[in-house]
Amino acid sequence: MNLNYHIPIPSLWPTEEELEYANIKIIPIALHSAKNLFERLGPKFDKTYIDQDLINNWGTGQRMKTHAAELGLNIRSFSVFVGPAGARLTKPHIDGQGGSIVNGKINGSGMIARLNVPLSGIKGSRLNWWKTGVEDPRILERHFEEWNAKKQEWQKGFSYLSDPEVVWDNPDWYIDNPGPCWNRTEKSHRIDLIQTTEVRVNITAELANPIPWDELVNRLKTTGYI
């Protein structure tokens, strides 16, 4: 645990029954989305949208919503991050919060935090953080297309990605094999999958009413999660 970046929530590990549901209903869709993403954008960690009913009808998804509600938060939507096994190191990035579309591009901002539950590609993974945010001149806006698994179509996406010409120093902090957790996504971070042997599938929740990271930490302390 690091209160600046990463707070484990082990109570959200899926049960055997919930894993069985995920193996039938969620992971096949995630793997199909991964194929589309990797063919179009290359073998890297990226996000796909999924039918919300698949997560809302899943025990783990329901428990994620209950956990958020305990903190006075509401989940706006669920998505799936997928990444290829053994992928080479990528550059740090910052998650984007979408907004209005201006001149054909999303006018977004940095996303403060995500609630995550990984399903595969856990062993051998490493999550790294640096202290800087979107104010870092090495971090650039990223306008791209992402796959919508429910609609079976591409849609506009927004986030922040490091300047590809810049070399970064070692991370300020990292954790190996992260499980269910809150991650601070407004700070520069990177998932390393070079030691993994299976596609990483990570269920992630975006908040409808985001709060500052320090306030999230305080609420987790008050509710006994820290």
C-alpha atoms as a PDB file:
ATOM      1  CA  MET A   1       0.000   0.000   0.000  1.00  0.00           C
ATOM      2  CA  ASN A   2       1.057   3.564  -0.692  1.00  0.00           C
ATOM      3  CA  LEU A   3      -1.397   6.285   0.329  1.00  0.00           C
ATOM      4  CA  ASN A   4      -0.089   8.518  -2.441  1.00  0.00           C
ATOM      5  CA  TYR A   5      -0.829   6.083  -5.262  1.00  0.00           C
ATOM      6  CA  HIS A   6      -2.360   2.682  -4.532  1.00  0.00           C
ATOM      7  CA  ILE A   7      -4.750   1.243  -1.949  1.00  0.00           C
ATOM      8  CA  PRO A   8      -5.542  -2.501  -2.081  1.00  0.00           C
ATOM      9  CA  ILE A   9      -9.144  -3.611  -1.515  1.00  0.00           C
ATOM     10  CA  PRO A  10      -8.714  -7.394  -1.079  1.00  0.00           C
ATOM     11  CA  SER A  11     -12.395  -7.867  -0.172  1.00  0.00           C
ATOM     12  CA  LEU A  12     -13.158  -7.349  -3.880  1.00  0.00           C
ATOM     13  CA  TRP A  13     -11.310 -10.441  -5.080  1.00  0.00           C
ATOM     14  CA  PRO A  14     -13.898 -12.395  -7.115  1.00  0.00           C
ATOM     15  CA  THR A  15     -15.322 -15.555  -5.555  1.00  0.00           C
ATOM     16  CA  GLU A  16     -15.154 -18.888  -7.401  1.00  0.00           C
ATOM     17  CA  GLU A  17     -18.731 -18.374  -8.591  1.00  0.00           C
ATOM     18  CA  GLU A  18     -17.953 -14.854  -9.749  1.00  0.00           C
ATOM     19  CA  LEU A  19     -14.845 -16.059 -11.584  1.00  0.00           C
ATOM     20  CA  GLU A  20     -16.918 -18.712 -13.350  1.00  0.00           C
ATOM     21  CA  TYR A  21     -19.351 -16.015 -14.509  1.00  0.00           C
ATOM     22  CA  ALA A  22     -16.423 -13.854 -15.687  1.00  0.00           C
ATOM     23  CA  ASN A  23     -14.872 -16.751 -17.602  1.00  0.00           C
ATOM     24  CA  ILE A  24     -18.131 -17.284 -19.485  1.00  0.00           C
ATOM     25  CA  LYS A  25     -19.567 -13.795 -19.859  1.00  0.00           C
ATOM     26  CA  ILE A  26     -16.757 -11.237 -19.608  1.00  0.00           C
ATOM     27  CA  ILE A  27     -13.326 -12.614 -20.509  1.00  0.00           C
ATOM     28  CA  PRO A  28     -14.288 -13.923 -24.010  1.00  0.00           C
ATOM     29  CA  ILE A  29     -15.571 -10.446 -24.916  1.00  0.00           C
ATOM     30  CA  ALA A  30     -12.433  -8.878 -23.451  1.00  0.00           C
ATOM     31  CA  LEU A  31     -10.202 -11.197 -25.504  1.00  0.00           C
ATOM     32  CA  HIS A  32     -12.148 -10.418 -28.696  1.00  0.00           C
ATOM     33  CA  SER A  33     -11.771  -6.709 -27.950  1.00  0.00           C
ATOM     34  CA  ALA A  34      -8.067  -7.224 -27.300  1.00  0.00           C
ATOM     35  CA  LYS A  35      -7.683  -8.782 -30.744  1.00  0.00           C
ATOM     36  CA  ASN A  36      -9.324  -5.754 -32.373  1.00  0.00           C
ATOM     37  CA  LEU A  37      -7.268  -3.303 -30.315  1.00  0.00           C
ATOM     38  CA  PHE A  38      -3.931  -5.043 -30.876  1.00  0.00           C
ATOM     39  CA  GLU A  39      -4.518  -5.373 -34.629  1.00  0.00           C
ATOM     40  CA  ARG A  40      -5.351  -1.687 -34.995  1.00  0.00           C
ATOM     41  CA  LEU A  41      -3.276   0.044 -32.320  1.00  0.00           C
ATOM     42  CA  GLY A  42      -0.475  -2.433 -31.634  1.00  0.00           C
ATOM     43  CA  PRO A  43       0.221  -4.719 -28.647  1.00  0.00           C
ATOM     44  CA  LYS A  44      -0.231  -2.396 -25.686  1.00  0.00           C
ATOM     45  CA  PHE A  45      -2.441  -1.870 -22.651  1.00  0.00           C
ATOM     46  CA  ASP A  46      -5.677  -0.156 -23.663  1.00  0.00           C
ATOM     47  CA  LYS A  47      -9.344   0.223 -22.771  1.00  0.00           C
ATOM     48  CA  THR A  48     -12.529  -1.158 -24.299  1.00  0.00           C
ATOM     49  CA  TYR A  49     -16.122  -0.393 -23.400  1.00  0.00           C
ATOM     50  CA  ILE A  50     -18.408  -3.290 -22.506  1.00  0.00           C
ATOM     51  CA  ASP A  51     -22.132  -3.917 -22.102  1.00  0.00           C
ATOM     52  CA  GLN A  52     -22.864  -2.520 -18.646  1.00  0.00           C
ATOM     53  CA  ASP A  53     -25.427  -5.241 -17.929  1.00  0.00           C
ATOM     54  CA  LEU A  54     -22.649  -7.859 -18.026  1.00  0.00           C
ATOM     55  CA  ILE A  55     -20.935  -6.147 -15.096  1.00  0.00           C
ATOM     56  CA  ASN A  56     -24.090  -5.039 -13.277  1.00  0.00           C
ATOM     57  CA  ASN A  57     -25.317  -8.666 -13.253  1.00  0.00           C
ATOM     58  CA  TRP A  58     -21.945  -9.926 -11.976  1.00  0.00           C
ATOM     59  CA  GLY A  59     -21.481 -10.377  -8.248  1.00  0.00           C
ATOM     60  CA  THR A  60     -18.119  -8.639  -8.216  1.00  0.00           C
ATOM     61  CA  GLY A  61     -19.522  -5.687 -10.144  1.00  0.00           C
ATOM     62  CA  GLN A  62     -22.363  -5.421  -7.651  1.00  0.00           C
ATOM     63  CA  ARG A  63     -19.894  -5.498  -4.765  1.00  0.00           C
ATOM     64  CA  MET A  64     -17.789  -2.796  -6.455  1.00  0.00           C
ATOM     65  CA  LYS A  65     -20.884  -0.574  -6.588  1.00  0.00           C
ATOM     66  CA  THR A  66     -21.679  -1.315  -2.938  1.00  0.00           C
ATOM     67  CA  HIS A  67     -18.104  -0.496  -1.934  1.00  0.00           C
ATOM     68  CA  ALA A  68     -18.253   2.823  -3.796  1.00  0.00           C
ATOM     69  CA  ALA A  69     -21.586   3.640  -2.152  1.00  0.00           C
ATOM     70  CA  GLU A  70     -20.039   3.047   1.292  1.00  0.00           C
ATOM     71  CA  LEU A  71     -17.643   5.854   0.412  1.00  0.00           C
ATOM     72  CA  GLY A  72     -20.429   8.164  -0.747  1.00  0.00           C
ATOM     73  CA  LEU A  73     -19.512   7.608  -4.397  1.00  0.00           C
ATOM     74  CA  ASN A  74     -21.402   6.450  -7.477  1.00  0.00           C
ATOM     75  CA  ILE A  75     -19.952   4.447 -10.337  1.00  0.00           C
ATOM     76  CA  ARG A  76     -20.701   6.044 -13.694  1.00  0.00           C
ATOM     77  CA  SER A  77     -19.591   3.151 -15.880  1.00  0.00           C
ATOM     78  CA  PHE A  78     -17.476   0.020 -16.089  1.00  0.00           C
ATOM     79  CA  SER A  79     -14.849  -0.652 -18.739  1.00  0.00           C
ATOM     80  CA  VAL A  80     -12.214  -3.300 -19.408  1.00  0.00           C
ATOM     81  CA  PHE A  81      -8.490  -2.755 -19.811  1.00  0.00           C
ATOM     82  CA  VAL A  82      -6.656  -5.393 -21.836  1.00  0.00           C
ATOM     83  CA  GLY A  83      -2.940  -5.883 -22.377  1.00  0.00           C
ATOM     84  CA  PRO A  84      -0.897  -8.533 -24.221  1.00  0.00           C
ATOM     85  CA  ALA A  85       1.184 -11.063 -22.338  1.00  0.00           C
ATOM     86  CA  GLY A  86       4.865 -10.238 -22.265  1.00  0.00           C
ATOM     87  CA  ALA A  87       4.393  -6.775 -23.771  1.00  0.00           C
ATOM     88  CA  ARG A  88       7.452  -4.543 -23.919  1.00  0.00           C
ATOM     89  CA  LEU A  89       7.699  -1.585 -21.576  1.00  0.00           C
ATOM     90  CA  THR A  90       5.566   1.412 -22.527  1.00  0.00           C
ATOM     91  CA  LYS A  91       5.795   5.092 -21.617  1.00  0.00           C
ATOM     92  CA  PRO A  92       4.008   6.523 -18.556  1.00  0.00           C
ATOM     93  CA  HIS A  93       0.502   7.851 -19.079  1.00  0.00           C
ATOM     94  CA  ILE A  94      -2.356   9.560 -17.226  1.00  0.00           C
ATOM     95  CA  ASP A  95      -5.980   8.482 -17.570  1.00  0.00           C
ATOM     96  CA  GLY A  96      -8.338  10.959 -19.197  1.00  0.00           C
ATOM     97  CA  GLN A  97     -11.810  12.060 -18.173  1.00  0.00           C
ATOM     98  CA  GLY A  98     -13.857  12.740 -21.317  1.00  0.00           C
ATOM     99  CA  GLY A  99     -15.742  15.982 -21.853  1.00  0.00           C
ATOM    100  CA  SER A 100     -17.312  17.884 -24.719  1.00  0.00           C
ATOM    101  CA  ILE A 101     -16.101  17.458 -28.298  1.00  0.00           C
ATOM    102  CA  VAL A 102     -14.415  20.559 -29.729  1.00  0.00           C
ATOM    103  CA  ASN A 103     -13.173  20.649 -33.332  1.00  0.00           C
ATOM    104  CA  GLY A 104     -13.629  16.904 -33.563  1.00  0.00           C
ATOM    105  CA  LYS A 105     -11.596  16.143 -30.440  1.00  0.00           C
ATOM    106  CA  ILE A 106     -12.593  15.385 -26.853  1.00  0.00           C
ATOM    107  CA  ASN A 107     -11.926  18.270 -24.480  1.00  0.00           C
ATOM    108  CA  GLY A 108     -10.981  16.259 -21.394  1.00  0.00           C
ATOM    109  CA  SER A 109      -9.049  16.378 -18.143  1.00  0.00           C
ATOM    110  CA  GLY A 110      -7.098  14.029 -15.899  1.00  0.00           C
ATOM    111  CA  MET A 111      -9.041  11.267 -14.117  1.00  0.00           C
ATOM    112  CA  ILE A 112      -8.285  11.262 -10.395  1.00  0.00           C
ATOM    113  CA  ALA A 113      -8.811   7.601  -9.498  1.00  0.00           C
ATOM    114  CA  ARG A 114     -10.116   4.233 -10.652  1.00  0.00           C
ATOM    115  CA  LEU A 115     -11.442   1.214  -8.784  1.00  0.00           C
ATOM    116  CA  ASN A 116      -9.934  -1.900 -10.407  1.00  0.00           C
ATOM    117  CA  VAL A 117     -10.446  -5.654 -10.246  1.00  0.00           C
ATOM    118  CA  PRO A 118      -8.009  -7.676 -12.406  1.00  0.00           C
ATOM    119  CA  LEU A 119      -9.141 -11.057 -13.737  1.00  0.00           C
ATOM    120  CA  SER A 120      -6.066 -12.349 -15.566  1.00  0.00           C
ATOM    121  CA  GLY A 121      -2.500 -11.343 -16.356  1.00  0.00           C
ATOM    122  CA  ILE A 122      -1.858 -10.612 -12.689  1.00  0.00           C
ATOM    123  CA  LYS A 123       1.223 -12.711 -11.980  1.00  0.00           C
ATOM    124  CA  GLY A 124       4.317 -11.006 -13.347  1.00  0.00           C
ATOM    125  CA  SER A 125       2.712  -7.577 -13.686  1.00  0.00           C
ATOM    126  CA  ARG A 126       4.156  -4.416 -12.163  1.00  0.00           C
ATOM    127  CA  LEU A 127       2.448  -1.052 -11.700  1.00  0.00           C
ATOM    128  CA  ASN A 128       4.738   1.992 -11.514  1.00  0.00           C
ATOM    129  CA  TRP A 129       4.128   5.613 -10.499  1.00  0.00           C
ATOM    130  CA  TRP A 130       5.907   8.939 -10.872  1.00  0.00           C
ATOM    131  CA  LYS A 131       5.071  12.027  -8.807  1.00  0.00           C
ATOM    132  CA  THR A 132       4.099  14.230 -11.744  1.00  0.00           C
ATOM    133  CA  GLY A 133       0.687  14.912 -13.308  1.00  0.00           C
ATOM    134  CA  VAL A 134      -0.640  16.632 -16.428  1.00  0.00           C
ATOM    135  CA  GLU A 135       1.432  19.724 -15.610  1.00  0.00           C
ATOM    136  CA  ASP A 136       4.583  17.771 -16.557  1.00  0.00           C
ATOM    137  CA  PRO A 137       5.758  19.024 -19.993  1.00  0.00           C
ATOM    138  CA  ARG A 138       6.674  15.431 -20.889  1.00  0.00           C
ATOM    139  CA  ILE A 139       2.978  14.482 -20.745  1.00  0.00           C
ATOM    140  CA  LEU A 140       0.968  15.157 -23.921  1.00  0.00           C
ATOM    141  CA  GLU A 141      -2.723  14.896 -24.751  1.00  0.00           C
ATOM    142  CA  ARG A 142      -3.623  11.697 -26.572  1.00  0.00           C
ATOM    143  CA  HIS A 143      -6.565  11.700 -28.972  1.00  0.00           C
ATOM    144  CA  PHE A 144      -7.295   8.261 -30.361  1.00  0.00           C
ATOM    145  CA  GLU A 145      -9.972   5.665 -31.087  1.00  0.00           C
ATOM    146  CA  GLU A 146     -11.053   2.935 -28.667  1.00  0.00           C
ATOM    147  CA  TRP A 147     -13.198  -0.151 -29.181  1.00  0.00           C
ATOM    148  CA  ASN A 148     -16.796  -0.290 -27.927  1.00  0.00           C
ATOM    149  CA  ALA A 149     -17.526  -4.009 -27.471  1.00  0.00           C
ATOM    150  CA  LYS A 150     -21.259  -3.461 -26.977  1.00  0.00           C
ATOM    151  CA  LYS A 151     -21.762  -1.342 -30.111  1.00  0.00           C
ATOM    152  CA  GLN A 152     -19.059  -3.214 -32.058  1.00  0.00           C
ATOM    153  CA  GLU A 153     -17.592   0.043 -33.297  1.00  0.00           C
ATOM    154  CA  TRP A 154     -14.727   2.454 -32.764  1.00  0.00           C
ATOM    155  CA  GLN A 155     -15.264   5.697 -30.872  1.00  0.00           C
ATOM    156  CA  LYS A 156     -13.251   8.742 -29.877  1.00  0.00           C
ATOM    157  CA  GLY A 157     -10.986   8.407 -26.858  1.00  0.00           C
ATOM    158  CA  PHE A 158      -8.921  10.774 -24.733  1.00  0.00           C
ATOM    159  CA  SER A 159      -6.045  10.387 -22.301  1.00  0.00           C
ATOM    160  CA  TYR A 160      -2.491  11.612 -21.723  1.00  0.00           C
ATOM    161  CA  LEU A 161       0.686   9.879 -22.864  1.00  0.00           C
ATOM    162  CA  SER A 162       4.377  10.608 -22.464  1.00  0.00           C
ATOM    163  CA  ASP A 163       6.282  12.274 -25.267  1.00  0.00           C
ATOM    164  CA  PRO A 164       7.777   9.258 -27.095  1.00  0.00           C
ATOM    165  CA  GLU A 165      11.149  11.004 -27.415  1.00  0.00           C
ATOM    166  CA  VAL A 166      11.571  11.512 -23.653  1.00  0.00           C
ATOM    167  CA  VAL A 167      13.471   9.114 -21.400  1.00  0.00           C
ATOM    168  CA  TRP A 168      12.053   8.719 -17.869  1.00  0.00           C
ATOM    169  CA  ASP A 169      13.992   7.983 -14.692  1.00  0.00           C
ATOM    170  CA  ASN A 170      13.094   5.033 -12.487  1.00  0.00           C
ATOM    171  CA  PRO A 171       9.594   5.268 -10.958  1.00  0.00           C
ATOM    172  CA  ASP A 172       9.063   6.829  -7.553  1.00  0.00           C
ATOM    173  CA  TRP A 173       7.126   3.768  -6.417  1.00  0.00           C
ATOM    174  CA  TYR A 174       5.904   0.445  -7.791  1.00  0.00           C
ATOM    175  CA  ILE A 175       3.952  -2.634  -6.763  1.00  0.00           C
ATOM    176  CA  ASP A 176       4.154  -6.172  -8.153  1.00  0.00           C
ATOM    177  CA  ASN A 177       1.101  -8.311  -8.962  1.00  0.00           C
ATOM    178  CA  PRO A 178      -1.529  -5.718  -7.937  1.00  0.00           C
ATOM    179  CA  GLY A 179      -4.990  -7.082  -7.141  1.00  0.00           C
ATOM    180  CA  PRO A 180      -8.304  -5.271  -6.510  1.00  0.00           C
ATOM    181  CA  CYS A 181      -7.494  -1.702  -5.586  1.00  0.00           C
ATOM    182  CA  TRP A 182      -7.957   2.012  -5.870  1.00  0.00           C
ATOM    183  CA  ASN A 183      -5.322   3.503  -8.171  1.00  0.00           C
ATOM    184  CA  ARG A 184      -4.429   7.153  -8.444  1.00  0.00           C
ATOM    185  CA  THR A 185      -4.659   7.741 -12.172  1.00  0.00           C
ATOM    186  CA  GLU A 186      -4.071  11.513 -12.191  1.00  0.00           C
ATOM    187  CA  LYS A 187      -0.379  10.817 -11.601  1.00  0.00           C
ATOM    188  CA  SER A 188       1.946   9.442 -14.268  1.00  0.00           C
ATOM    189  CA  HIS A 189       1.897   5.650 -14.171  1.00  0.00           C
ATOM    190  CA  ARG A 190       2.701   2.587 -16.260  1.00  0.00           C
ATOM    191  CA  ILE A 191       1.724  -1.078 -16.197  1.00  0.00           C
ATOM    192  CA  ASP A 192       4.564  -3.461 -17.074  1.00  0.00           C
ATOM    193  CA  LEU A 193       3.499  -6.821 -18.509  1.00  0.00           C
ATOM    194  CA  ILE A 194       6.847  -8.093 -19.755  1.00  0.00           C
ATOM    195  CA  GLN A 195       6.895 -10.931 -17.177  1.00  0.00           C
ATOM    196  CA  THR A 196       3.248 -11.967 -17.673  1.00  0.00           C
ATOM    197  CA  THR A 197       2.207 -15.115 -19.535  1.00  0.00           C
ATOM    198  CA  GLU A 198      -1.463 -14.380 -20.261  1.00  0.00           C
ATOM    199  CA  VAL A 199      -3.497 -11.470 -21.565  1.00  0.00           C
ATOM    200  CA  ARG A 200      -4.228  -8.994 -18.794  1.00  0.00           C
ATOM    201  CA  VAL A 201      -7.936  -8.354 -18.296  1.00  0.00           C
ATOM    202  CA  ASN A 202      -8.796  -5.685 -15.749  1.00  0.00           C
ATOM    203  CA  ILE A 203     -12.309  -4.503 -14.849  1.00  0.00           C
ATOM    204  CA  THR A 204     -12.258  -0.798 -14.051  1.00  0.00           C
ATOM    205  CA  ALA A 205     -14.865   1.592 -12.677  1.00  0.00           C
ATOM    206  CA  GLU A 206     -15.129   5.297 -13.481  1.00  0.00           C
ATOM    207  CA  LEU A 207     -16.769   7.540 -10.904  1.00  0.00           C
ATOM    208  CA  ALA A 208     -19.768   9.770 -11.570  1.00  0.00           C
ATOM    209  CA  ASN A 209     -18.792  12.093  -8.716  1.00  0.00           C
ATOM    210  CA  PRO A 210     -14.969  12.099  -8.474  1.00  0.00           C
ATOM    211  CA  ILE A 211     -13.399  13.554  -5.363  1.00  0.00           C
ATOM    212  CA  PRO A 212      -9.797  14.604  -4.608  1.00  0.00           C
ATOM    213  CA  TRP A 213      -7.451  11.710  -3.886  1.00  0.00           C
ATOM    214  CA  ASP A 214      -6.782  12.873  -0.323  1.00  0.00           C
ATOM    215  CA  GLU A 215     -10.518  12.892   0.385  1.00  0.00           C
ATOM    216  CA  LEU A 216     -10.830   9.360  -1.033  1.00  0.00           C
ATOM    217  CA  VAL A 217      -8.047   8.239   1.314  1.00  0.00           C
ATOM    218  CA  ASN A 218      -9.824   9.870   4.263  1.00  0.00           C
ATOM    219  CA  ARG A 219     -13.101   8.108   3.454  1.00  0.00           C
ATOM    220  CA  LEU A 220     -11.309   4.759   3.139  1.00  0.00           C
ATOM    221  CA  LYS A 221      -9.801   5.349   6.574  1.00  0.00           C
ATOM    222  CA  THR A 222     -13.169   6.315   8.076  1.00  0.00           C
ATOM    223  CA  THR A 223     -14.849   3.188   6.695  1.00  0.00           C
ATOM    224  CA  GLY A 224     -12.084   0.880   7.927  1.00  0.00           C
ATOM    225  CA  TYR A 225     -10.491  -0.062   4.595  1.00  0.00           C
ATOM    226  CA  ILE A 226      -7.181   1.419   5.667  1.00  0.00           C
END
